[in-house]
C-alpha atoms as a PDB file:
ATOM      1  CA  GLU A   1     -17.316 -12.882  -3.299  1.00  0.00           C
ATOM      2  CA  ALA A   2     -20.188 -10.994  -4.912  1.00  0.00           C
ATOM      3  CA  PHE A   3     -17.983  -7.971  -5.645  1.00  0.00           C
ATOM      4  CA  LYS A   4     -15.277 -10.238  -7.067  1.00  0.00           C
ATOM      5  CA  ARG A   5     -17.685 -11.641  -9.679  1.00  0.00           C
ATOM      6  CA  LEU A   6     -18.012  -8.377 -11.575  1.00  0.00           C
ATOM      7  CA  ALA A   7     -16.179  -8.431 -14.922  1.00  0.00           C
ATOM      8  CA  ALA A   8     -13.243  -6.059 -15.385  1.00  0.00           C
ATOM      9  CA  ASP A   9     -15.003  -4.317 -18.271  1.00  0.00           C
ATOM     10  CA  HIS A  10     -18.132  -3.552 -16.228  1.00  0.00           C
ATOM     11  CA  PRO A  11     -18.723   0.209 -15.716  1.00  0.00           C
ATOM     12  CA  ARG A  12     -18.819  -0.247 -11.923  1.00  0.00           C
ATOM     13  CA  TYR A  13     -15.758  -2.480 -11.693  1.00  0.00           C
ATOM     14  CA  ALA A  14     -13.599   0.170  -9.985  1.00  0.00           C
ATOM     15  CA  ARG A  15     -16.321   0.628  -7.366  1.00  0.00           C
ATOM     16  CA  ALA A  16     -16.505  -3.148  -6.855  1.00  0.00           C
ATOM     17  CA  VAL A  17     -12.728  -3.255  -6.281  1.00  0.00           C
ATOM     18  CA  ALA A  18     -13.045  -0.496  -3.669  1.00  0.00           C
ATOM     19  CA  ASP A  19     -15.947  -2.317  -2.002  1.00  0.00           C
ATOM     20  CA  THR A  20     -13.984  -5.575  -1.999  1.00  0.00           C
ATOM     21  CA  ALA A  21     -11.141  -3.741  -0.252  1.00  0.00           C
ATOM     22  CA  ARG A  22     -13.559  -2.426   2.362  1.00  0.00           C
ATOM     23  CA  CYS A  23     -14.912  -5.942   2.949  1.00  0.00           C
ATOM     24  CA  TYR A  24     -11.422  -7.403   3.351  1.00  0.00           C
ATOM     25  CA  ARG A  25     -10.464  -4.673   5.842  1.00  0.00           C
ATOM     26  CA  GLN A  26     -13.563  -5.442   7.922  1.00  0.00           C
ATOM     27  CA  TRP A  27     -12.916  -9.183   7.703  1.00  0.00           C
ATOM     28  CA  ILE A  28      -9.310  -8.732   8.840  1.00  0.00           C
ATOM     29  CA  LYS A  29     -10.463  -6.477  11.678  1.00  0.00           C
ATOM     30  CA  ALA A  30     -13.051  -9.063  12.793  1.00  0.00           C
ATOM     31  CA  THR A  31     -10.473 -11.852  12.603  1.00  0.00           C
ATOM     32  CA  LYS A  32      -8.113  -9.882  14.852  1.00  0.00           C
ATOM     33  CA  ALA A  33     -10.954  -9.048  17.258  1.00  0.00           C
ATOM     34  CA  ALA A  34     -11.756 -12.758  17.535  1.00  0.00           C
ATOM     35  CA  GLY A  35      -8.146 -13.415  18.561  1.00  0.00           C
ATOM     36  CA  ARG A  36      -7.320 -15.389  15.426  1.00  0.00           C
ATOM     37  CA  PRO A  37      -4.258 -14.796  13.240  1.00  0.00           C
ATOM     38  CA  SER A  38      -5.137 -12.405  10.410  1.00  0.00           C
ATOM     39  CA  GLU A  39      -1.902 -12.468   8.427  1.00  0.00           C
ATOM     40  CA  PRO A  40      -2.848 -15.441   6.199  1.00  0.00           C
ATOM     41  CA  LEU A  41      -6.082 -13.676   5.248  1.00  0.00           C
ATOM     42  CA  ALA A  42      -4.225 -10.407   4.606  1.00  0.00           C
ATOM     43  CA  ARG A  43      -1.700 -12.199   2.366  1.00  0.00           C
ATOM     44  CA  ARG A  44      -4.501 -13.820   0.339  1.00  0.00           C
ATOM     45  CA  ALA A  45      -6.229 -10.464   0.030  1.00  0.00           C
ATOM     46  CA  ALA A  46      -3.038  -8.709  -1.126  1.00  0.00           C
ATOM     47  CA  GLN A  47      -2.464 -11.445  -3.699  1.00  0.00           C
ATOM     48  CA  TYR A  48      -6.059 -11.100  -4.915  1.00  0.00           C
ATOM     49  CA  PHE A  49      -5.608  -7.352  -5.435  1.00  0.00           C
ATOM     50  CA  GLU A  50      -2.354  -7.980  -7.295  1.00  0.00           C
ATOM     51  CA  GLN A  51      -4.328 -10.289  -9.614  1.00  0.00           C
ATOM     52  CA  VAL A  52      -6.832  -7.475 -10.168  1.00  0.00           C
ATOM     53  CA  ILE A  53      -3.910  -5.371 -11.404  1.00  0.00           C
ATOM     54  CA  THR A  54      -2.400  -7.975 -13.698  1.00  0.00           C
ATOM     55  CA  GLY A  55      -5.665  -9.426 -14.969  1.00  0.00           C
ATOM     56  CA  PRO A  56      -5.775 -12.789 -16.731  1.00  0.00           C
ATOM     57  CA  SER A  57      -2.465 -12.117 -18.538  1.00  0.00           C
ATOM     58  CA  GLY A  58      -0.521 -12.034 -15.284  1.00  0.00           C
ATOM     59  CA  GLN A  59       1.410  -9.019 -16.620  1.00  0.00           C
ATOM     60  CA  LEU A  60       1.497  -5.524 -15.181  1.00  0.00           C
ATOM     61  CA  PRO A  61      -0.397  -3.081 -17.389  1.00  0.00           C
ATOM     62  CA  GLU A  62       1.431  -0.239 -19.123  1.00  0.00           C
ATOM     63  CA  GLN A  63      -1.379   2.154 -18.209  1.00  0.00           C
ATOM     64  CA  TRP A  64      -3.149   1.589 -14.908  1.00  0.00           C
ATOM     65  CA  SER A  65      -6.921   1.935 -14.793  1.00  0.00           C
ATOM     66  CA  LYS A  66      -8.805   3.441 -11.863  1.00  0.00           C
ATOM     67  CA  ALA A  67      -9.545  -0.108 -10.636  1.00  0.00           C
ATOM     68  CA  ALA A  68      -5.880  -1.106 -10.928  1.00  0.00           C
ATOM     69  CA  ARG A  69      -4.822   2.005  -9.009  1.00  0.00           C
ATOM     70  CA  GLN A  70      -7.320   1.183  -6.229  1.00  0.00           C
ATOM     71  CA  ALA A  71      -6.120  -2.424  -6.166  1.00  0.00           C
ATOM     72  CA  GLY A  72      -2.492  -1.294  -6.019  1.00  0.00           C
ATOM     73  CA  LEU A  73      -3.084   0.965  -3.046  1.00  0.00           C
ATOM     74  CA  THR A  74      -5.006  -1.780  -1.278  1.00  0.00           C
ATOM     75  CA  ALA A  75      -2.431  -4.505  -1.967  1.00  0.00           C
ATOM     76  CA  ALA A  76       0.438  -2.288  -0.804  1.00  0.00           C
ATOM     77  CA  GLY A  77      -1.440  -1.246   2.333  1.00  0.00           C
ATOM     78  CA  LEU A  78      -2.136  -4.868   3.175  1.00  0.00           C
ATOM     79  CA  TRP A  79       1.510  -5.839   2.659  1.00  0.00           C
ATOM     80  CA  LEU A  80       2.684  -2.958   4.832  1.00  0.00           C
ATOM     81  CA  TYR A  81       0.159  -2.883   7.648  1.00  0.00           C
ATOM     82  CA  GLU A  82      -1.227  -6.400   7.878  1.00  0.00           C
ATOM     83  CA  THR A  83       1.690  -8.730   7.126  1.00  0.00           C
ATOM     84  CA  GLY A  84       5.044  -9.072   8.775  1.00  0.00           C
ATOM     85  CA  GLY A  85       7.687  -7.661   6.467  1.00  0.00           C
ATOM     86  CA  GLY A  86       5.819  -7.157   3.190  1.00  0.00           C
ATOM     87  CA  TYR A  87       7.967  -4.124   2.409  1.00  0.00           C
ATOM     88  CA  ARG A  88       9.524  -5.457  -0.797  1.00  0.00           C
ATOM     89  CA  GLN A  89       6.185  -6.637  -2.210  1.00  0.00           C
ATOM     90  CA  ALA A  90       4.643  -3.249  -1.446  1.00  0.00           C
ATOM     91  CA  GLU A  91       7.549  -1.407  -3.076  1.00  0.00           C
ATOM     92  CA  GLN A  92       7.161  -3.458  -6.265  1.00  0.00           C
ATOM     93  CA  VAL A  93       3.437  -2.713  -6.504  1.00  0.00           C
ATOM     94  CA  LEU A  94       3.842   0.976  -5.690  1.00  0.00           C
ATOM     95  CA  THR A  95       6.736   1.549  -8.077  1.00  0.00           C
ATOM     96  CA  ALA A  96       4.821  -0.118 -10.918  1.00  0.00           C
ATOM     97  CA  ALA A  97       1.695   1.867 -10.039  1.00  0.00           C
ATOM     98  CA  LEU A  98       3.530   5.173 -10.246  1.00  0.00           C
ATOM     99  CA  ALA A  99       5.186   4.216 -13.530  1.00  0.00           C
ATOM    100  CA  GLY A 100       1.866   3.147 -15.060  1.00  0.00           C
ATOM    101  CA  SER A 101      -0.192   6.121 -13.862  1.00  0.00           C
ATOM    102  CA  PRO A 102       1.379   9.325 -15.177  1.00  0.00           C
ATOM    103  CA  GLY A 103      -1.925  11.236 -15.259  1.00  0.00           C
ATOM    104  CA  ALA A 104      -3.335   9.940 -11.985  1.00  0.00           C
ATOM    105  CA  PRO A 105      -5.031  12.314  -9.547  1.00  0.00           C
ATOM    106  CA  ALA A 106      -2.658  14.117  -7.171  1.00  0.00           C
ATOM    107  CA  GLU A 107      -4.455  12.692  -4.125  1.00  0.00           C
ATOM    108  CA  TRP A 108      -3.819   9.114  -5.302  1.00  0.00           C
ATOM    109  CA  THR A 109      -0.182   9.884  -6.170  1.00  0.00           C
ATOM    110  CA  SER A 110       0.372  11.373  -2.719  1.00  0.00           C
ATOM    111  CA  LYS A 111      -1.028   8.238  -1.059  1.00  0.00           C
ATOM    112  CA  VAL A 112       1.206   6.018  -3.175  1.00  0.00           C
ATOM    113  CA  GLN A 113       4.287   8.125  -2.385  1.00  0.00           C
ATOM    114  CA  SER A 114       3.504   7.960   1.329  1.00  0.00           C
ATOM    115  CA  LEU A 115       3.251   4.170   1.238  1.00  0.00           C
ATOM    116  CA  LEU A 116       6.419   4.011  -0.869  1.00  0.00           C
ATOM    117  CA  VAL A 117       8.334   5.943   1.810  1.00  0.00           C
ATOM    118  CA  PHE A 118       7.152   3.399   4.381  1.00  0.00           C
ATOM    119  CA  SER A 119       8.080   0.409   2.190  1.00  0.00           C
ATOM    120  CA  LEU A 120      11.550   1.763   1.421  1.00  0.00           C
ATOM    121  CA  ALA A 121      12.257   2.666   5.042  1.00  0.00           C
ATOM    122  CA  GLY A 122      11.183  -0.820   6.112  1.00  0.00           C
ATOM    123  CA  GLN A 123      13.877  -2.270   3.859  1.00  0.00           C
ATOM    124  CA  GLY A 124      16.552   0.044   5.216  1.00  0.00           C
ATOM    125  CA  LYS A 125      16.634   2.128   2.014  1.00  0.00           C
ATOM    126  CA  GLN A 126      16.735   5.432   3.863  1.00  0.00           C
ATOM    127  CA  ALA A 127      18.166   7.575   1.039  1.00  0.00           C
ATOM    128  CA  GLU A 128      15.499   6.341  -1.375  1.00  0.00           C
ATOM    129  CA  ALA A 129      12.808   6.829   1.278  1.00  0.00           C
ATOM    130  CA  LYS A 130      13.947  10.415   1.764  1.00  0.00           C
ATOM    131  CA  GLN A 131      13.752  11.033  -2.003  1.00  0.00           C
ATOM    132  CA  ALA A 132      10.241   9.547  -2.131  1.00  0.00           C
ATOM    133  CA  LEU A 133       9.227  11.694   0.838  1.00  0.00           C
ATOM    134  CA  ARG A 134      10.166  14.842  -1.096  1.00  0.00           C
ATOM    135  CA  LYS A 135       7.677  13.879  -3.811  1.00  0.00           C
ATOM    136  CA  ILE A 136       4.674  13.785  -1.478  1.00  0.00           C
ATOM    137  CA  SER A 137       2.313  16.628  -2.168  1.00  0.00           C
ATOM    138  CA  ALA A 138      -0.032  18.057   0.412  1.00  0.00           C
ATOM    139  CA  GLY A 139      -2.382  15.224   1.151  1.00  0.00           C
ATOM    140  CA  ASP A 140      -4.630  13.925   3.854  1.00  0.00           C
ATOM    141  CA  PRO A 141      -3.118  14.508   7.326  1.00  0.00           C
ATOM    142  CA  GLY A 142      -4.250  10.983   8.203  1.00  0.00           C
ATOM    143  CA  GLU A 143      -1.836   9.617   5.615  1.00  0.00           C
ATOM    144  CA  LEU A 144       1.035  11.459   7.265  1.00  0.00           C
ATOM    145  CA  LEU A 145      -0.006  10.128  10.642  1.00  0.00           C
ATOM    146  CA  ASP A 146      -0.142   6.585   9.207  1.00  0.00           C
ATOM    147  CA  LEU A 147       3.331   7.081   7.728  1.00  0.00           C
ATOM    148  CA  LEU A 148       4.741   8.356  11.019  1.00  0.00           C
ATOM    149  CA  THR A 149       3.113   5.489  12.915  1.00  0.00           C
ATOM    150  CA  GLY A 150       4.480   2.977  10.426  1.00  0.00           C
ATOM    151  CA  LEU A 151       7.986   4.407  10.686  1.00  0.00           C
ATOM    152  CA  SER A 152       7.722   4.234  14.493  1.00  0.00           C
ATOM    153  CA  GLY A 153       6.765   0.574  14.213  1.00  0.00           C
ATOM    154  CA  ILE A 154       9.809  -0.145  12.075  1.00  0.00           C
ATOM    155  CA  ALA A 155      12.044   1.758  14.487  1.00  0.00           C
ATOM    156  CA  SER A 156      10.849  -0.192  17.525  1.00  0.00           C
ATOM    157  CA  GLY A 157      12.428  -3.390  16.204  1.00  0.00           C
ATOM    158  CA  SER A 158      15.566  -1.792  14.757  1.00  0.00           C
ATOM    159  CA  ASP A 159      19.115  -1.246  15.910  1.00  0.00           C
ATOM    160  CA  LYS A 160      20.330   2.139  17.159  1.00  0.00           C
ATOM    161  CA  MET A 161      21.683   3.292  13.778  1.00  0.00           C
ATOM    162  CA  MET A 162      18.442   2.437  11.965  1.00  0.00           C
ATOM    163  CA  ARG A 163      16.354   4.121  14.682  1.00  0.00           C
ATOM    164  CA  SER A 164      18.402   7.274  14.236  1.00  0.00           C
ATOM    165  CA  GLN A 165      17.872   7.236  10.459  1.00  0.00           C
ATOM    166  CA  LEU A 166      14.155   6.609  10.875  1.00  0.00           C
ATOM    167  CA  ALA A 167      13.869   9.445  13.391  1.00  0.00           C
ATOM    168  CA  ALA A 168      15.502  11.781  10.865  1.00  0.00           C
ATOM    169  CA  LEU A 169      13.036  10.582   8.229  1.00  0.00           C
ATOM    170  CA  GLN A 170      10.134  11.218  10.613  1.00  0.00           C
ATOM    171  CA  LEU A 171      11.396  14.738  11.252  1.00  0.00           C
ATOM    172  CA  ASP A 172      11.634  15.315   7.500  1.00  0.00           C
ATOM    173  CA  ALA A 173       8.049  14.092   7.149  1.00  0.00           C
ATOM    174  CA  LEU A 174       6.887  16.512   9.799  1.00  0.00           C
END
């Protein structure tokens, strides 16, 4: 709550958004460890970070700030990893983030592309996921591992045809 109070025009706002994300991740982790359902908390957190992006206007910005980019990554990650089936919501955030951040750092763009592959694959959009995968630059190996793990999770609940497509996507990622 303290991090959330900082005004969007404050010089340390982007840092406060990152710290808020860290707090939510710890809170979700503690909720899971206590054996309580964490999805409602994760949904509220993702919605909060989407509000950080849109601001009081409720509209997506044309140019994304550093804080908006951080919020976008966090919201998409929460939709993908902490909620059941938030693939479409994540895709919307990630697509808008890429469109509004043409000069963003390569590391950030790679993270967004990796999450976009996951969100598209989760919706069965394999051709689009493969295209997004081609746009990933050399990034953190942990991101690739997260992507592969996420694709495995999708495959475990899929039919044989989808599992085959996801396996091909995983091989492409490797």
